[in-house]
Each structure stands twice: as structure tokens, then as C-alpha cells.
Amino acid sequence: MPNSYPREKMLLFVLLPSLTLFSQIGPGIPDESRSPMSIRMNAASKCSVTISGSAWVGRQTIKGGTMEVRDLSGAGIAAVSGVLRFQFSNGRYQDQNWRHNTVGFPAANIKIAPEEMQFTPGLSSPTKIEGIVTGVYFANGEVCGETGQSVKDRFTRTMNDVRKDAEEVSNIAAALPAKLFYEAVRDGVLPVGPYSRSSVAATNSLLHTKLIGPDGKLIGEYKEWIKHWQDSLKPAKPARPTR
């Protein structure tokens, strides 16, 4: 297991990114020709991260591409939020909000797929895309940006749900033989529905990625991995006061 960060900075074990991007999305976006346009970091950003990448843009829509958020602080990113700003020749712009939670080892490098989006009426053929970070919660506990505290608060709430996920997964792994547990991991261990925790889909993705090996089989040490994951999700004990 990586040991680049002390336990109090690791925060928790690996959970696949939990991403939410917000945009004006209808029942579908028009099909049109698109080409990649570079995403440039907004020069006014004060947080110790950079943004790069590209989005596939057409006259009326965006569909495809990858935005990369890289940590420059050395602490690692626990959670981050921001906007992609599409600027047009008439001086107007349209923002697409994005956010990312990494519940686990601090992320030095995050890749996010921009959401599909149709530009609002009167806007077409953007001339520039800016990547803007509005808030970061770093793995050393520091926050940055106008939404930094809310990013941290959301991360903390997510953690409570993930601990419940881990407890359920541990119980299921203990109750099922390996063959049936493999089938559960393959199909999604925890049920996803309107009343399920918001973390469940990401937890299922994590388990599928970590517990099913490259050969398509359940890894032999899956119970040990689950225990390690569950233990790492426990809140850090407060330091004893010095005398």
C-alpha cells in the first residue's frame, strides 16, 4: 500500500472519484461537428492547483474531452470544485460547474470528463475555455477558495456515508462464499436506488475496480482488502494532550 502520506494525512482509503457536474442539459444534445479546444487555467486562481486539458466543442454544444486538475501543494487534494467558463466573441460566457470528491489517498492528479451541454440561445461557437477552481480541501486539512469550506463540509458528509457502505460490504463479504461475493461485486454489491446513499454508486465502482483483478476474477485477498479499507475509514484519534 502506498505510504507517501502519514496516516493522519491519508484521510481514508481509496474511493473512486465521486463526480457531479452541473449544466443545462435537455433530453439530448444536437449532433454536430466538434473539435478539441484547449482548457486554459484562469490566471486569477489563488489555490495551489493547475487546470489543463481540452473539451470537444461545436457551434452549439460540448460533448467529450478531459479536464485535468493537478495538485501543486504537495499535500494532495481531498475534494475540489470549480467551473469551466466558455467565452464567446460577443463578450458573454456560460459556466459549467463541476466538483470532485476523492475519499481516500490524496489525489495528486484528477481527471474529469466535462458534462455534455448545449449552449443557451444567443451563444454559439465559443472562442475560449477557462478552467476556474472555486474551492479546494487539501489532505493536510487546509481549505482554499471561496467555496473551500463548503467543499470540506461536503467531503465530511460523504465520509459518513462511505463508512456505512464499508460496514455493509464487510458484512456481505463475511456472509457469502467467494463465488457469490464475486457475482455481487461484478453486478454492484450495494443496491442503487432513489433511497440509497449518494456514495453507493462510487463504492460499487471502487469495489469492482479493486476487487476484480485484470484476469476478471475476484482477488484472493479480498477480505483483507475490505478490512483494511474499513479500518482506514475510521476517524483519526485526537492527539493526547502533552504535559
Protein backbone atom coordinates (compact mmCIF):
# COMPACT_ATOMS: atom_id res chain seq x y z
CA MET A 1 0.00 0.00 0.00
CA PRO A 2 1.35 3.48 -0.75
CA ASN A 3 2.91 5.18 2.23
CA SER A 4 3.71 8.59 0.79
CA TYR A 5 1.48 10.31 3.33
CA PRO A 6 1.27 9.81 7.12
CA ARG A 7 -1.96 8.23 8.27
CA GLU A 8 -3.39 11.50 9.53
CA LYS A 9 -2.85 12.98 6.06
CA MET A 10 -4.04 9.92 4.14
CA LEU A 11 -7.55 10.67 5.40
CA LEU A 12 -9.04 7.48 4.21
CA PHE A 13 -8.78 4.57 1.84
CA VAL A 14 -9.30 4.82 -1.86
CA LEU A 15 -12.75 5.50 -3.21
CA LEU A 16 -13.20 6.21 -6.86
CA PRO A 17 -13.94 9.82 -7.65
CA SER A 18 -17.44 10.92 -6.87
CA LEU A 19 -18.15 13.48 -9.56
CA THR A 20 -21.04 15.80 -10.11
CA LEU A 21 -21.11 18.28 -12.96
CA PHE A 22 -23.96 20.69 -13.45
CA SER A 23 -25.05 22.19 -16.72
CA GLN A 24 -28.10 22.95 -18.81
CA ILE A 25 -28.92 19.54 -20.18
CA GLY A 26 -32.08 18.71 -22.05
CA PRO A 27 -33.35 15.31 -23.20
CA GLY A 28 -30.42 15.20 -25.64
CA ILE A 29 -28.00 17.47 -27.38
CA PRO A 30 -27.93 18.04 -31.15
CA ASP A 31 -25.50 16.05 -33.21
CA GLU A 32 -22.94 18.33 -34.84
CA SER A 33 -19.29 18.52 -35.81
CA ARG A 34 -16.96 19.16 -32.86
CA SER A 35 -13.25 19.69 -32.44
CA PRO A 36 -10.99 19.86 -29.35
CA MET A 37 -10.47 23.24 -27.69
CA SER A 38 -7.82 23.70 -25.01
CA ILE A 39 -8.82 24.44 -21.43
CA ARG A 40 -6.70 27.25 -20.01
CA MET A 41 -6.19 27.93 -16.32
CA ASN A 42 -7.76 31.17 -15.15
CA ALA A 43 -4.89 33.46 -14.12
CA ALA A 44 -6.79 34.81 -11.10
CA SER A 45 -6.84 31.46 -9.28
CA LYS A 46 -5.00 31.59 -5.94
CA CYS A 47 -5.16 27.93 -4.91
CA SER A 48 -2.16 25.64 -5.41
CA VAL A 49 -3.59 23.66 -8.31
CA THR A 50 -3.43 23.85 -12.08
CA ILE A 51 -6.06 23.03 -14.69
CA SER A 52 -5.39 21.82 -18.22
CA GLY A 53 -6.93 19.58 -20.86
CA SER A 54 -9.41 20.03 -23.66
CA ALA A 55 -13.11 19.79 -24.45
CA TRP A 56 -14.74 18.82 -27.75
CA VAL A 57 -16.75 21.83 -28.81
CA GLY A 58 -19.15 22.52 -31.65
CA ARG A 59 -21.17 25.55 -32.64
CA GLN A 60 -23.94 24.81 -30.15
CA THR A 61 -22.71 22.02 -27.91
CA ILE A 62 -19.92 20.44 -25.90
CA LYS A 63 -19.50 16.68 -25.77
CA GLY A 64 -16.32 14.85 -24.84
CA GLY A 65 -12.88 15.75 -23.61
CA THR A 66 -10.89 15.61 -20.38
CA MET A 67 -10.04 18.26 -17.82
CA GLU A 68 -7.02 17.59 -15.60
CA VAL A 69 -6.63 19.12 -12.13
CA ARG A 70 -3.13 18.81 -10.68
CA ASP A 71 -2.04 19.48 -7.10
CA LEU A 72 0.94 21.79 -6.62
CA SER A 73 0.87 21.94 -2.81
CA GLY A 74 2.36 18.51 -2.15
CA ALA A 75 -0.45 17.76 0.31
CA GLY A 76 -2.82 16.13 -2.17
CA ILE A 77 -6.40 17.02 -2.99
CA ALA A 78 -9.24 15.56 -0.92
CA ALA A 79 -12.01 17.49 -2.68
CA VAL A 80 -12.26 20.32 -5.18
CA SER A 81 -14.87 22.33 -7.06
CA GLY A 82 -14.87 24.88 -9.83
CA VAL A 83 -16.29 25.91 -13.19
CA LEU A 84 -15.49 25.59 -16.86
CA ARG A 85 -16.15 29.01 -18.40
CA PHE A 86 -17.00 29.07 -22.10
CA GLN A 87 -16.37 32.54 -23.52
CA PHE A 88 -17.91 33.84 -26.73
CA SER A 89 -16.98 36.55 -29.21
CA ASN A 90 -19.87 38.80 -28.10
CA GLY A 91 -18.32 39.11 -24.63
CA ARG A 92 -20.77 36.78 -22.92
CA TYR A 93 -19.93 33.48 -21.25
CA GLN A 94 -21.56 30.34 -19.89
CA ASP A 95 -20.33 28.37 -16.88
CA GLN A 96 -20.44 24.63 -16.26
CA ASN A 97 -19.97 23.80 -12.58
CA TRP A 98 -18.03 20.70 -11.56
CA ARG A 99 -16.92 19.07 -8.34
CA HIS A 100 -14.88 16.07 -7.30
CA ASN A 101 -14.53 14.16 -4.03
CA THR A 102 -11.65 11.76 -3.51
CA VAL A 103 -12.32 9.80 -0.34
CA GLY A 104 -9.01 8.14 0.22
CA PHE A 105 -5.39 8.71 -0.60
CA PRO A 106 -4.88 12.36 -1.50
CA ALA A 107 -5.05 12.85 -5.24
CA ALA A 108 -2.08 14.48 -6.93
CA ASN A 109 -3.77 14.35 -10.32
CA ILE A 110 -7.51 14.27 -11.10
CA LYS A 111 -9.11 13.76 -14.50
CA ILE A 112 -12.69 14.87 -15.06
CA ALA A 113 -14.83 14.49 -18.18
CA PRO A 114 -16.77 17.69 -18.92
CA GLU A 115 -20.52 17.14 -18.95
CA GLU A 116 -22.44 17.24 -22.20
CA MET A 117 -24.00 20.66 -22.62
CA GLN A 118 -25.93 22.76 -25.10
CA PHE A 119 -25.19 26.47 -25.06
CA THR A 120 -28.01 28.85 -24.21
CA PRO A 121 -29.80 30.65 -27.08
CA GLY A 122 -27.77 33.53 -28.42
CA LEU A 123 -24.45 31.87 -27.64
CA SER A 124 -22.54 29.88 -30.25
CA SER A 125 -19.01 28.89 -31.21
CA PRO A 126 -17.03 29.69 -28.05
CA THR A 127 -13.64 31.27 -28.57
CA LYS A 128 -12.01 30.23 -25.29
CA ILE A 129 -12.46 27.87 -22.33
CA GLU A 130 -11.17 28.80 -18.89
CA GLY A 131 -10.79 26.39 -16.00
CA ILE A 132 -11.53 28.02 -12.66
CA VAL A 133 -11.08 26.48 -9.21
CA THR A 134 -13.53 27.91 -6.68
CA GLY A 135 -12.62 25.76 -3.69
CA VAL A 136 -10.17 23.08 -2.58
CA TYR A 137 -9.94 20.94 0.53
CA PHE A 138 -6.40 19.64 0.81
CA ALA A 139 -5.44 16.42 2.58
CA ASN A 140 -3.49 18.33 5.24
CA GLY A 141 -6.72 19.99 6.37
CA GLU A 142 -6.24 23.32 4.63
CA VAL A 143 -9.00 24.92 2.59
CA CYS A 144 -8.66 27.42 -0.24
CA GLY A 145 -11.06 29.47 -2.30
CA GLU A 146 -14.50 30.98 -1.81
CA THR A 147 -16.20 27.57 -1.71
CA GLY A 148 -13.37 25.81 0.14
CA GLN A 149 -15.29 25.39 3.40
CA SER A 150 -18.39 24.03 1.69
CA VAL A 151 -16.16 21.63 -0.28
CA LYS A 152 -14.73 20.39 3.03
CA ASP A 153 -18.19 20.10 4.61
CA ARG A 154 -19.49 18.06 1.67
CA PHE A 155 -16.44 15.82 1.87
CA THR A 156 -17.09 15.22 5.58
CA ARG A 157 -20.73 14.31 4.96
CA THR A 158 -19.70 11.92 2.19
CA MET A 159 -17.31 10.20 4.58
CA ASN A 160 -20.13 9.32 6.96
CA ASP A 161 -21.97 7.59 4.13
CA VAL A 162 -18.87 5.72 2.97
CA ARG A 163 -18.31 4.31 6.46
CA LYS A 164 -21.84 2.87 6.33
CA ASP A 165 -21.12 1.45 2.88
CA ALA A 166 -17.97 -0.24 4.16
CA GLU A 167 -19.79 -1.82 7.10
CA GLU A 168 -22.43 -3.29 4.79
CA VAL A 169 -19.82 -4.57 2.36
CA SER A 170 -17.85 -6.19 5.19
CA ASN A 171 -20.98 -7.99 6.41
CA ILE A 172 -21.85 -9.18 2.91
CA ALA A 173 -18.32 -10.46 2.31
CA ALA A 174 -18.44 -12.39 5.58
CA ALA A 175 -21.82 -13.95 4.79
CA LEU A 176 -21.29 -15.01 1.17
CA PRO A 177 -18.96 -17.62 -0.30
CA ALA A 178 -16.34 -16.25 -2.64
CA LYS A 179 -18.25 -17.21 -5.80
CA LEU A 180 -21.41 -15.39 -4.78
CA PHE A 181 -19.49 -12.40 -3.48
CA TYR A 182 -17.69 -12.15 -6.82
CA GLU A 183 -21.06 -12.04 -8.58
CA ALA A 184 -22.21 -9.35 -6.17
CA VAL A 185 -19.11 -7.24 -6.82
CA ARG A 186 -19.47 -7.73 -10.56
CA ASP A 187 -23.10 -6.58 -10.53
CA GLY A 188 -22.84 -3.94 -7.77
CA VAL A 189 -22.67 -5.06 -4.15
CA LEU A 190 -24.88 -2.32 -2.72
CA PRO A 191 -28.30 -1.58 -4.21
CA VAL A 192 -28.63 1.72 -6.06
CA GLY A 193 -31.97 3.48 -5.98
CA PRO A 194 -33.81 6.69 -5.08
CA TYR A 195 -33.39 6.00 -1.36
CA SER A 196 -29.82 4.75 -1.37
CA ARG A 197 -26.92 6.79 -0.01
CA SER A 198 -25.29 9.13 -2.50
CA SER A 199 -21.98 7.31 -2.04
CA VAL A 200 -23.25 3.86 -3.08
CA ALA A 201 -22.59 4.12 -6.82
CA ALA A 202 -18.99 5.23 -6.26
CA THR A 203 -18.47 2.50 -3.65
CA ASN A 204 -19.69 -0.14 -6.09
CA SER A 205 -17.30 1.21 -8.73
CA LEU A 206 -14.44 1.14 -6.25
CA LEU A 207 -15.08 -2.48 -5.29
CA HIS A 208 -15.37 -3.56 -8.90
CA THR A 209 -12.05 -1.88 -9.74
CA LYS A 210 -10.11 -3.04 -6.68
CA LEU A 211 -11.52 -6.50 -6.01
CA ILE A 212 -11.74 -7.87 -9.55
CA GLY A 213 -8.30 -8.39 -10.99
CA PRO A 214 -7.05 -7.96 -14.58
CA ASP A 215 -7.94 -11.61 -15.20
CA GLY A 216 -11.59 -10.87 -14.42
CA LYS A 217 -11.53 -12.90 -11.20
CA LEU A 218 -12.02 -11.95 -7.57
CA ILE A 219 -8.66 -11.23 -5.93
CA GLY A 220 -7.63 -13.83 -3.37
CA GLU A 221 -7.09 -11.32 -0.54
CA TYR A 222 -10.44 -9.56 -0.96
CA LYS A 223 -11.43 -9.92 2.72
CA GLU A 224 -8.13 -8.45 3.87
CA TRP A 225 -8.56 -5.55 1.44
CA ILE A 226 -12.06 -4.83 2.72
CA LYS A 227 -10.86 -4.89 6.34
CA HIS A 228 -8.00 -2.55 5.52
CA TRP A 229 -10.40 -0.22 3.70
CA GLN A 230 -12.88 -0.27 6.58
CA ASP A 231 -10.16 0.36 9.19
CA SER A 232 -8.78 3.28 7.21
CA LEU A 233 -12.19 4.96 7.20
CA LYS A 234 -12.22 5.35 10.96
CA PRO A 235 -11.80 8.95 12.13
CA ALA A 236 -8.31 9.69 13.35
CA LYS A 237 -7.98 9.63 17.14
CA PRO A 238 -7.32 13.03 18.69
CA ALA A 239 -3.77 13.53 19.87
CA ARG A 240 -3.19 13.16 23.59
CA PRO A 241 -2.54 16.45 25.35
CA THR A 242 1.09 16.97 26.36
CA ARG A 243 2.00 17.69 29.97
